[in-house]
Structure formats: structure tokens, C-alpha cells
Amino acid sequence: MESHKKDELCSVDEILVKHLNVKDLEEYNRIHYGRANHHFIDIDKSNNEYATANGFEIKAYDFPARHEETRKPRIVRIGAIQHSIVSRTFKPINEQRLAIFEKVSKIINTAAKEGVNVLCLQEAWSMPFAFCTREKVPWCEFAEDVMDGPSTQFLKEFAVKYGMVIISPILERDEQHGDLIWNTAVIINEKGKVIGFHRKNHIPRVGDFNESTYYFEGNTGHPVFETRFGRIAVNICYGRHHPLNWLMFGLNGAEIVFNPSATVSGLSEHLWAVEARNAAIANSYFTCAINRVGTETFPNEFTSGDGKPAHNDFGHFYGSSYVTAPDGTRTPSLSRTNDGLLVAQVDLNMCRQIKDKWGFAMTQRLDLYAESLKKYVEGKQGRQIVHDN
């Protein structure tokens, strides 16, 4: 079984709770998280005991909105699952996948018991994140069809059983178009129907993220999916570094944008707490950033193109999944090292309330940017620099 490195810090929040007195902790929370009180939701005792027995944590928080006279509250519970892989990466493909299915099924069942309506899994959740290796064999065999691949079939049953919308980020095999591979998020509604999918818009070419060896940039634009529980979108992993990617989901009406990811410490961790939170603020919607956990070791060594020795692992996936509201308040993160379920109860009315308060949509000057970007892309406008002569 793959596991985290023993010397990895489990949680920054645990350190703060341990070393700050109540008053100082509340003040820290007010300044850093945007509210002194995290608005914890009580978790069913039996669910907590089950989670502990099966090696994952549960955290739950509430984001209440202001009461309105003309609209009823639009309360939705969203859930995020972060997890490590289970079997060693030299095991047969189906054995690795089924082991992950077994682990994740326990967390999904618990999410349902905690009332989750919309659930999102991490990027490429049903496989190791093997794209660092640059090897095609055997990793391309994890690629599957959007409509009837094993991950979709597995999750459809839970969607129907629990009346839950599930977002399943997978490695897609498009058999209808040249057997191309894509990094794709599949949207399954509460009736078990695949209502659509979105392919990753931005592909990294940094460090060990050699994903362009397997797939290129997506071709699905910025779709927003109208579901029973609200309008949702998926900004897959590296897209979080691109503010315009977040912007387009907002312009298309998203109320919740999920960011399923796979990213490692030493590269992006100092950015992690900033990007999805900033997107929620700038676009007046909820964001849910999800990252896998653990250190995945591969059979063959690979290099990083940095002159350092070859190695067998990608680094530590630091988890730390969190949710941010349109007003910029956010939850503490899940663990950096352990599997977990994050639950957030949100009132989607807050999206409009924050638009009214801050007026970002009214003041953003899209016409100005669109004109300048058009000229720039067409090569008709360079950098607008005024020189001091």
C-alpha cells in the first residue's frame, strides 16, 4: 500500500490549535480565514467512528447567507474526497483500480450519510498519477470511455442510490475520435445519467508534470452544468493558475467551481491556498479545491530534466482540500497526509449577494480587455509601454 512520508507535516491548522490560546486563535481565524468561527457542522458519531476505522477523516462546515425577503435559501451540501492510491504501481491495472474503488466506496457512503448533494473526486482519481514517468505502458491502459468506462459505471450506482450528483475526473479514451486520450471530468447526475464532460484546458509543462506526453489541451470550452442542485463547473488542476479560465466559468453562470487536482509539495504548495480562494472572490462563486494525498512510487526510475539523479516517485501529494465562499471566507484544509472527506453546506444565494455588495461583475470592463486581447492575439498590438524620453 502506498503511504505518505513519515516526516510530512499532517496539518498546519493542528499546530495553530495546539499553540494558540482561544482568543489568539479566533483572531487568527478572522484574519486568515475571514471569520473567527469556522461554523463547524456536527458529524454523526457513527460516521466519525467508521471514518476512523477506515483510515479517513471527516470535516464539515457551514456557509450561511443573509436572509432574503424575495428568495428562499438555496441550501446545498457539497463534498470533496481526497485519497491515496492503494495497491503498488507494479500490480495489474484492474487490481489497482478495484482497490481504489473499494477505498473510495466507503468514503462515498459516508458522504451520503452526511447529506452530500454534489460530490467531486480528485484528478485522475481511479489511477496513480503516472504522467511523471513519460511511459505509455502500462499507464495508457487506465484510459476509459466517458459514458461506459469502469469509473463511470462504478459511480453511477452511487449517484442513483443516493440521489447525488458526482463529478468523476478520469483519464479518458475517446474511441470515436482516433482513440485520443484526454484528461476529463465526467458529470453524472442524480439519476445516473452522464449529462456531460469537460476536458482539461491547460496542460502543465513544469517539473515532473509530463502530461503533454499523453494528452493535449481540451476542446470543450468552459461548460457549466445545470443540475438539480445548482450550476456547477470543473476547472481541472493546472487551470487554477490561469485567472481567465476561472473567469469564463463565472461568465457562463457557474455557482460552484470544483478544482480537482494532483500537485506536490516543493512545487505549488505556497500557491495552493491562494488561487482557488482568489477565484471565488474575483468571480463571486464557491470554489472547492481538491488534491490527492500520499507518495506514489513507480517501478522504473525517471529524471526531471534538472540535472538531479533519477528517482521513482513524483513527490508528496499534500492533500489540503478546502472550500471558499464568494465573500472570500474559507474552510480550514483537510490533512496534508491522510485520506479525507470535506463537507460544506452552502447557500447559493450568497453568489448574488456578493455580486451586489462588491460589484465586480459591474466594474470588470470586459469590453476593454476583449478589445486589447483581440489586438494582442492578432499581432496588431504589442506591449502598451509609455517610455520616458
Protein backbone atom coordinates (compact mmCIF):
# COMPACT_ATOMS: atom_id res chain seq x y z
CA MET A 1 0.00 0.00 0.00
CA GLU A 2 1.29 3.46 -0.90
CA SER A 3 1.50 5.89 2.02
CA HIS A 4 2.71 9.32 2.96
CA LYS A 5 6.25 10.06 4.04
CA LYS A 6 6.67 9.72 7.78
CA ASP A 7 8.29 13.13 8.14
CA GLU A 8 5.49 15.03 6.41
CA LEU A 9 3.58 17.61 8.45
CA CYS A 10 -0.02 16.48 8.89
CA SER A 11 -1.76 19.83 9.28
CA VAL A 12 -0.85 23.47 9.77
CA ASP A 13 -4.22 24.03 11.46
CA GLU A 14 -3.44 21.44 14.11
CA ILE A 15 -0.27 23.33 15.00
CA LEU A 16 -2.21 26.57 15.39
CA VAL A 17 -4.89 24.96 17.55
CA LYS A 18 -2.20 23.40 19.71
CA HIS A 19 -0.11 26.51 20.27
CA LEU A 20 -2.55 29.46 20.23
CA ASN A 21 -4.92 30.33 23.06
CA VAL A 22 -8.62 30.67 22.28
CA LYS A 23 -8.58 34.45 21.83
CA ASP A 24 -5.50 34.47 19.60
CA LEU A 25 -6.84 31.56 17.54
CA GLU A 26 -10.11 33.37 16.91
CA GLU A 27 -8.22 36.46 15.83
CA TYR A 28 -6.01 34.39 13.54
CA ASN A 29 -9.08 32.73 12.03
CA ARG A 30 -10.73 36.12 11.49
CA ILE A 31 -7.70 37.50 9.68
CA HIS A 32 -6.67 34.38 7.73
CA TYR A 33 -9.93 32.52 7.08
CA GLY A 34 -12.24 35.52 7.07
CA ARG A 35 -14.29 34.54 10.11
CA ALA A 36 -13.43 33.85 13.72
CA ASN A 37 -15.91 30.98 13.90
CA HIS A 38 -15.45 28.17 11.38
CA HIS A 39 -19.15 27.28 11.61
CA PHE A 40 -18.47 23.61 12.21
CA ILE A 41 -21.25 21.16 11.38
CA ASP A 42 -21.67 18.30 13.82
CA ILE A 43 -20.74 14.98 12.26
CA ASP A 44 -22.72 11.89 13.11
CA LYS A 45 -20.82 9.92 15.76
CA SER A 46 -21.17 6.61 13.91
CA ASN A 47 -19.82 8.22 10.72
CA ASN A 48 -16.81 9.55 12.61
CA GLU A 49 -16.15 6.15 14.11
CA TYR A 50 -16.50 4.49 10.70
CA ALA A 51 -14.12 7.01 9.13
CA THR A 52 -11.51 6.48 11.82
CA ALA A 53 -11.77 2.71 11.48
CA ASN A 54 -11.27 3.00 7.71
CA GLY A 55 -8.43 5.50 7.75
CA PHE A 56 -10.01 8.75 6.65
CA GLU A 57 -11.10 11.98 8.33
CA ILE A 58 -14.34 13.95 8.00
CA LYS A 59 -14.61 17.72 8.33
CA ALA A 60 -17.82 19.69 7.79
CA TYR A 61 -18.53 23.44 7.71
CA ASP A 62 -21.46 25.77 7.06
CA PHE A 63 -21.57 28.90 4.87
CA PRO A 64 -24.86 30.64 5.74
CA ALA A 65 -26.05 33.51 3.55
CA ARG A 66 -28.05 36.58 4.50
CA HIS A 67 -31.81 36.02 4.76
CA GLU A 68 -33.73 37.48 1.81
CA GLU A 69 -37.36 38.54 1.61
CA THR A 70 -37.92 37.59 -2.05
CA ARG A 71 -35.87 34.39 -2.44
CA LYS A 72 -35.87 31.20 -0.45
CA PRO A 73 -32.49 29.84 0.74
CA ARG A 74 -30.79 27.52 -1.78
CA ILE A 75 -29.01 25.15 0.57
CA VAL A 76 -26.68 22.58 -1.00
CA ARG A 77 -24.15 20.25 0.58
CA ILE A 78 -21.02 19.78 -1.49
CA GLY A 79 -18.41 17.13 -0.80
CA ALA A 80 -14.79 16.61 -1.79
CA ILE A 81 -12.81 13.38 -1.48
CA GLN A 82 -9.03 13.27 -1.28
CA HIS A 83 -7.28 9.92 -1.11
CA SER A 84 -4.09 8.00 -1.72
CA ILE A 85 -3.79 5.02 -4.04
CA VAL A 86 -3.93 1.54 -2.53
CA SER A 87 -2.04 -1.14 -4.48
CA ARG A 88 1.59 -0.92 -5.53
CA THR A 89 2.00 0.53 -9.01
CA PHE A 90 3.54 -2.67 -10.43
CA LYS A 91 0.32 -4.59 -9.76
CA PRO A 92 -2.12 -5.38 -12.61
CA ILE A 93 -4.21 -2.44 -13.84
CA ASN A 94 -7.55 -3.87 -12.77
CA GLU A 95 -6.23 -4.77 -9.34
CA GLN A 96 -5.02 -1.21 -8.79
CA ARG A 97 -8.30 0.29 -9.98
CA LEU A 98 -10.54 -2.05 -7.98
CA ALA A 99 -8.55 -1.40 -4.81
CA ILE A 100 -9.18 2.32 -5.23
CA PHE A 101 -12.87 1.63 -5.91
CA GLU A 102 -13.15 -0.29 -2.65
CA LYS A 103 -11.49 2.50 -0.67
CA VAL A 104 -13.49 5.31 -2.25
CA SER A 105 -16.81 3.47 -1.92
CA LYS A 106 -16.52 3.72 1.86
CA ILE A 107 -15.99 7.47 1.69
CA ILE A 108 -18.88 7.96 -0.77
CA ASN A 109 -21.22 6.01 1.50
CA THR A 110 -20.20 8.27 4.37
CA ALA A 111 -20.69 11.38 2.25
CA ALA A 112 -24.24 10.27 1.52
CA LYS A 113 -24.91 9.74 5.23
CA GLU A 114 -23.69 13.29 5.81
CA GLY A 115 -26.21 14.59 3.29
CA VAL A 116 -23.87 15.48 0.42
CA ASN A 117 -25.72 16.51 -2.77
CA VAL A 118 -22.79 17.18 -5.12
CA LEU A 119 -19.59 15.17 -4.74
CA CYS A 120 -16.29 15.68 -6.55
CA LEU A 121 -13.29 13.37 -6.61
CA GLN A 122 -9.66 14.30 -7.23
CA GLU A 123 -7.96 14.50 -10.63
CA ALA A 124 -7.46 11.06 -12.25
CA TRP A 125 -8.88 9.56 -9.07
CA SER A 126 -9.06 5.93 -10.22
CA MET A 127 -5.35 5.53 -11.04
CA PRO A 128 -1.87 6.54 -9.90
CA PHE A 129 -0.75 9.90 -11.28
CA ALA A 130 1.79 8.22 -13.52
CA PHE A 131 2.31 11.02 -16.03
CA CYS A 132 5.67 11.86 -14.48
CA THR A 133 7.17 8.67 -15.92
CA ARG A 134 6.68 9.52 -19.62
CA GLU A 135 5.97 5.79 -20.11
CA LYS A 136 3.00 4.81 -22.25
CA VAL A 137 2.93 1.24 -20.96
CA PRO A 138 1.04 0.35 -18.87
CA TRP A 139 -0.44 3.71 -17.87
CA CYS A 140 -2.46 4.35 -21.05
CA GLU A 141 -4.45 1.24 -20.19
CA PHE A 142 -6.12 3.21 -17.40
CA ALA A 143 -7.79 5.41 -20.03
CA GLU A 144 -11.52 4.73 -20.32
CA ASP A 145 -14.68 5.78 -22.11
CA VAL A 146 -16.67 8.67 -20.65
CA MET A 147 -20.05 7.02 -20.99
CA ASP A 148 -19.46 3.40 -20.00
CA GLY A 149 -15.92 3.11 -18.65
CA PRO A 150 -15.39 1.30 -15.34
CA SER A 151 -15.17 4.50 -13.26
CA THR A 152 -18.41 5.86 -14.70
CA GLN A 153 -20.23 2.56 -14.22
CA PHE A 154 -18.95 2.33 -10.66
CA LEU A 155 -20.11 5.82 -9.71
CA LYS A 156 -23.47 5.67 -11.50
CA GLU A 157 -24.71 3.22 -8.90
CA PHE A 158 -23.90 5.59 -6.05
CA ALA A 159 -25.45 8.55 -7.87
CA VAL A 160 -28.74 6.68 -8.24
CA LYS A 161 -28.67 5.12 -4.79
CA TYR A 162 -28.11 8.41 -3.01
CA GLY A 163 -29.68 10.92 -5.40
CA MET A 164 -26.28 12.57 -5.68
CA VAL A 165 -24.51 14.44 -8.49
CA ILE A 166 -20.96 13.07 -8.84
CA ILE A 167 -18.00 14.61 -10.66
CA SER A 168 -15.55 11.95 -11.82
CA PRO A 169 -12.19 13.20 -13.18
CA ILE A 170 -10.67 10.40 -15.26
CA LEU A 171 -8.15 9.62 -17.95
CA GLU A 172 -10.45 9.47 -20.99
CA ARG A 173 -10.09 7.31 -24.08
CA ASP A 174 -12.10 8.80 -26.96
CA GLU A 175 -12.74 5.71 -29.07
CA GLN A 176 -14.92 7.65 -31.52
CA HIS A 177 -12.15 10.05 -32.48
CA GLY A 178 -8.89 8.27 -33.12
CA ASP A 179 -8.56 6.68 -29.67
CA LEU A 180 -7.24 10.01 -28.38
CA ILE A 181 -6.57 10.39 -24.66
CA TRP A 182 -7.83 13.35 -22.63
CA ASN A 183 -7.82 14.49 -19.02
CA THR A 184 -11.55 14.71 -18.43
CA ALA A 185 -14.15 15.35 -15.73
CA VAL A 186 -17.39 13.39 -16.18
CA ILE A 187 -20.62 14.80 -14.71
CA ILE A 188 -23.10 12.16 -13.53
CA ASN A 189 -26.50 13.38 -12.36
CA GLU A 190 -28.60 12.02 -9.50
CA LYS A 191 -30.38 9.64 -11.89
CA GLY A 192 -27.11 8.05 -13.00
CA LYS A 193 -27.04 9.80 -16.38
CA VAL A 194 -23.85 11.29 -17.79
CA ILE A 195 -25.05 14.82 -18.57
CA GLY A 196 -21.73 15.97 -19.98
CA PHE A 197 -17.99 16.22 -19.54
CA HIS A 198 -15.20 18.76 -19.59
CA ARG A 199 -11.63 18.30 -20.79
CA LYS A 200 -8.70 19.98 -19.09
CA ASN A 201 -7.96 23.34 -20.73
CA HIS A 202 -4.39 23.95 -19.58
CA ILE A 203 -1.69 21.26 -19.61
CA PRO A 204 1.45 21.74 -17.46
CA ARG A 205 4.97 21.54 -18.74
CA VAL A 206 6.80 22.05 -15.48
CA GLY A 207 8.82 19.76 -13.22
CA ASP A 208 7.70 16.13 -13.45
CA PHE A 209 4.31 17.06 -14.87
CA ASN A 210 4.91 15.48 -18.28
CA GLU A 211 1.23 15.30 -19.15
CA SER A 212 1.64 16.51 -22.74
CA THR A 213 3.26 13.13 -23.43
CA TYR A 214 -0.22 11.65 -23.03
CA TYR A 215 -2.77 14.34 -23.92
CA PHE A 216 -3.06 17.93 -25.10
CA GLU A 217 -5.27 20.87 -24.18
CA GLY A 218 -9.00 20.19 -24.08
CA ASN A 219 -11.57 21.22 -26.68
CA THR A 220 -14.75 21.62 -24.61
CA GLY A 221 -14.50 25.32 -23.75
CA HIS A 222 -15.88 26.34 -20.35
CA PRO A 223 -19.13 24.40 -19.87
CA VAL A 224 -21.37 24.97 -16.87
CA PHE A 225 -23.70 22.11 -15.95
CA GLU A 226 -27.23 22.93 -14.80
CA THR A 227 -28.03 20.34 -12.14
CA ARG A 228 -30.79 19.83 -9.63
CA PHE A 229 -28.50 21.31 -7.00
CA GLY A 230 -27.20 24.35 -8.87
CA ARG A 231 -24.90 25.33 -11.73
CA ILE A 232 -21.51 23.65 -11.44
CA ALA A 233 -18.26 23.71 -13.40
CA VAL A 234 -14.91 21.96 -13.23
CA ASN A 235 -11.57 23.75 -13.58
CA ILE A 236 -9.17 20.80 -13.75
CA CYS A 237 -5.86 21.11 -11.88
CA TYR A 238 -3.41 23.34 -13.78
CA GLY A 239 -6.25 25.55 -14.96
CA ARG A 240 -6.27 27.11 -11.50
CA HIS A 241 -3.08 29.01 -12.41
CA HIS A 242 -4.95 30.82 -15.19
CA PRO A 243 -7.34 33.56 -13.97
CA LEU A 244 -9.13 33.80 -17.31
CA ASN A 245 -10.03 30.12 -17.07
CA TRP A 246 -11.80 30.80 -13.78
CA LEU A 247 -13.38 33.93 -15.29
CA MET A 248 -15.02 32.10 -18.18
CA PHE A 249 -16.77 29.61 -15.91
CA GLY A 250 -18.16 32.58 -14.00
CA LEU A 251 -19.33 34.36 -17.15
CA ASN A 252 -21.13 31.15 -18.14
CA GLY A 253 -23.08 31.21 -14.89
CA ALA A 254 -21.25 28.84 -12.53
CA GLU A 255 -22.22 28.96 -8.87
CA ILE A 256 -19.77 26.29 -7.72
CA VAL A 257 -16.46 25.56 -9.46
CA PHE A 258 -14.58 22.42 -8.47
CA ASN A 259 -10.82 22.22 -8.92
CA PRO A 260 -9.80 18.53 -8.85
CA SER A 261 -6.01 18.42 -8.74
CA ALA A 262 -2.85 16.38 -8.30
CA THR A 263 0.02 18.56 -7.14
CA VAL A 264 3.07 18.07 -4.97
CA SER A 265 4.90 19.88 -2.20
CA GLY A 266 8.03 21.74 -3.19
CA LEU A 267 6.35 22.99 -6.35
CA SER A 268 2.94 24.54 -5.73
CA GLU A 269 2.05 24.36 -2.06
CA HIS A 270 2.64 28.07 -1.40
CA LEU A 271 0.19 28.84 -4.22
CA TRP A 272 -2.44 26.28 -3.26
CA ALA A 273 -4.29 28.27 -0.59
CA VAL A 274 -4.32 31.40 -2.75
CA GLU A 275 -5.56 30.50 -6.22
CA ALA A 276 -8.96 28.86 -5.71
CA ARG A 277 -9.72 31.34 -2.94
CA ASN A 278 -8.88 34.29 -5.15
CA ALA A 279 -11.06 32.84 -7.92
CA ALA A 280 -14.04 32.64 -5.57
CA ILE A 281 -13.56 36.29 -4.64
CA ALA A 282 -12.99 37.58 -8.18
CA ASN A 283 -15.92 35.67 -9.68
CA SER A 284 -18.45 35.65 -6.83
CA TYR A 285 -18.93 31.88 -6.73
CA PHE A 286 -17.98 28.99 -4.46
CA THR A 287 -14.79 27.08 -5.19
CA CYS A 288 -13.72 23.65 -4.00
CA ALA A 289 -10.03 22.79 -4.36
CA ILE A 290 -9.23 19.07 -4.11
CA ASN A 291 -5.80 17.43 -4.07
CA ARG A 292 -4.73 13.81 -3.72
CA VAL A 293 -2.51 12.61 -0.87
CA GLY A 294 0.47 10.33 -0.46
CA THR A 295 3.68 9.49 -2.27
CA GLU A 296 3.34 7.24 -5.31
CA THR A 297 6.36 5.12 -6.23
CA PHE A 298 6.81 3.71 -9.74
CA PRO A 299 8.70 0.61 -10.93
CA ASN A 300 11.15 2.44 -13.20
CA GLU A 301 13.27 5.46 -12.37
CA PHE A 302 12.76 8.69 -14.32
CA THR A 303 14.53 12.03 -14.48
CA SER A 304 13.16 15.56 -14.11
CA GLY A 305 15.38 17.30 -16.64
CA ASP A 306 17.06 19.28 -13.86
CA GLY A 307 20.41 17.50 -13.68
CA LYS A 308 19.49 15.69 -10.47
CA PRO A 309 19.59 11.89 -10.06
CA ALA A 310 16.78 9.74 -11.39
CA HIS A 311 14.07 8.78 -8.90
CA ASN A 312 10.99 6.58 -8.58
CA ASP A 313 8.45 8.94 -7.05
CA PHE A 314 6.73 12.16 -8.03
CA GLY A 315 6.96 13.71 -4.57
CA HIS A 316 4.40 14.16 -1.82
CA PHE A 317 0.83 14.96 -2.85
CA TYR A 318 -0.16 17.24 0.01
CA GLY A 319 -3.96 16.98 0.08
CA SER A 320 -5.15 20.13 1.90
CA SER A 321 -8.52 20.29 0.15
CA TYR A 322 -10.68 23.30 1.06
CA VAL A 323 -13.80 25.28 0.12
CA THR A 324 -14.08 29.05 -0.34
CA ALA A 325 -17.25 31.15 -0.41
CA PRO A 326 -17.87 34.12 -2.73
CA ASP A 327 -17.12 36.51 0.13
CA GLY A 328 -13.61 35.03 0.49
CA THR A 329 -14.23 33.15 3.72
CA ARG A 330 -12.93 29.61 3.59
CA THR A 331 -12.71 26.35 5.48
CA PRO A 332 -9.56 25.02 7.08
CA SER A 333 -7.85 22.44 4.90
CA LEU A 334 -8.10 18.71 5.16
CA SER A 335 -4.96 16.86 6.19
CA ARG A 336 -1.72 17.05 4.19
CA THR A 337 -1.17 13.32 4.66
CA ASN A 338 -4.44 11.46 5.21
CA ASP A 339 -7.48 10.47 3.18
CA GLY A 340 -10.44 12.68 3.86
CA LEU A 341 -13.98 13.83 3.19
CA LEU A 342 -14.69 17.55 3.25
CA VAL A 343 -18.34 18.63 3.50
CA ALA A 344 -19.52 22.20 3.06
CA GLN A 345 -23.12 23.33 3.41
CA VAL A 346 -23.56 26.39 1.20
CA ASP A 347 -26.38 28.77 0.40
CA LEU A 348 -26.09 29.60 -3.29
CA ASN A 349 -27.95 32.87 -2.68
CA MET A 350 -24.62 34.20 -1.42
CA CYS A 351 -23.32 34.38 -5.01
CA ARG A 352 -25.74 37.16 -5.98
CA GLN A 353 -25.46 38.82 -2.60
CA ILE A 354 -21.71 39.24 -3.00
CA LYS A 355 -22.12 40.45 -6.61
CA ASP A 356 -24.42 43.16 -5.27
CA LYS A 357 -22.03 44.06 -2.45
CA TRP A 358 -18.74 44.28 -4.35
CA GLY A 359 -19.92 44.96 -7.89
CA PHE A 360 -17.08 43.05 -9.54
CA ALA A 361 -19.27 41.94 -12.44
CA MET A 362 -20.42 45.51 -12.96
CA THR A 363 -16.94 47.05 -12.86
CA GLN A 364 -14.79 44.42 -14.61
CA ARG A 365 -14.60 46.17 -18.04
CA LEU A 366 -14.69 43.08 -20.23
CA ASP A 367 -15.13 45.27 -23.30
CA LEU A 368 -11.80 46.97 -22.64
CA TYR A 369 -9.94 43.70 -22.12
CA ALA A 370 -11.62 41.96 -25.07
CA GLU A 371 -10.55 44.71 -27.45
CA SER A 372 -6.96 44.71 -26.21
CA LEU A 373 -6.71 40.92 -26.16
CA LYS A 374 -8.06 40.67 -29.69
CA LYS A 375 -5.42 43.07 -30.95
CA TYR A 376 -2.70 41.31 -28.99
CA VAL A 377 -3.64 37.83 -30.24
CA GLU A 378 -3.83 39.06 -33.83
CA GLY A 379 -0.41 40.69 -33.53
CA LYS A 380 -1.85 44.18 -34.03
CA GLN A 381 -0.87 45.42 -30.59
CA GLY A 382 2.31 44.90 -28.65
CA ARG A 383 3.05 45.94 -25.11
CA GLN A 384 1.46 49.24 -24.14
CA ILE A 385 4.51 50.94 -22.64
CA VAL A 386 4.99 54.67 -22.30
CA HIS A 387 8.72 55.44 -22.47
CA ASP A 388 10.40 58.20 -20.54
CA ASN A 389 12.37 60.07 -23.21
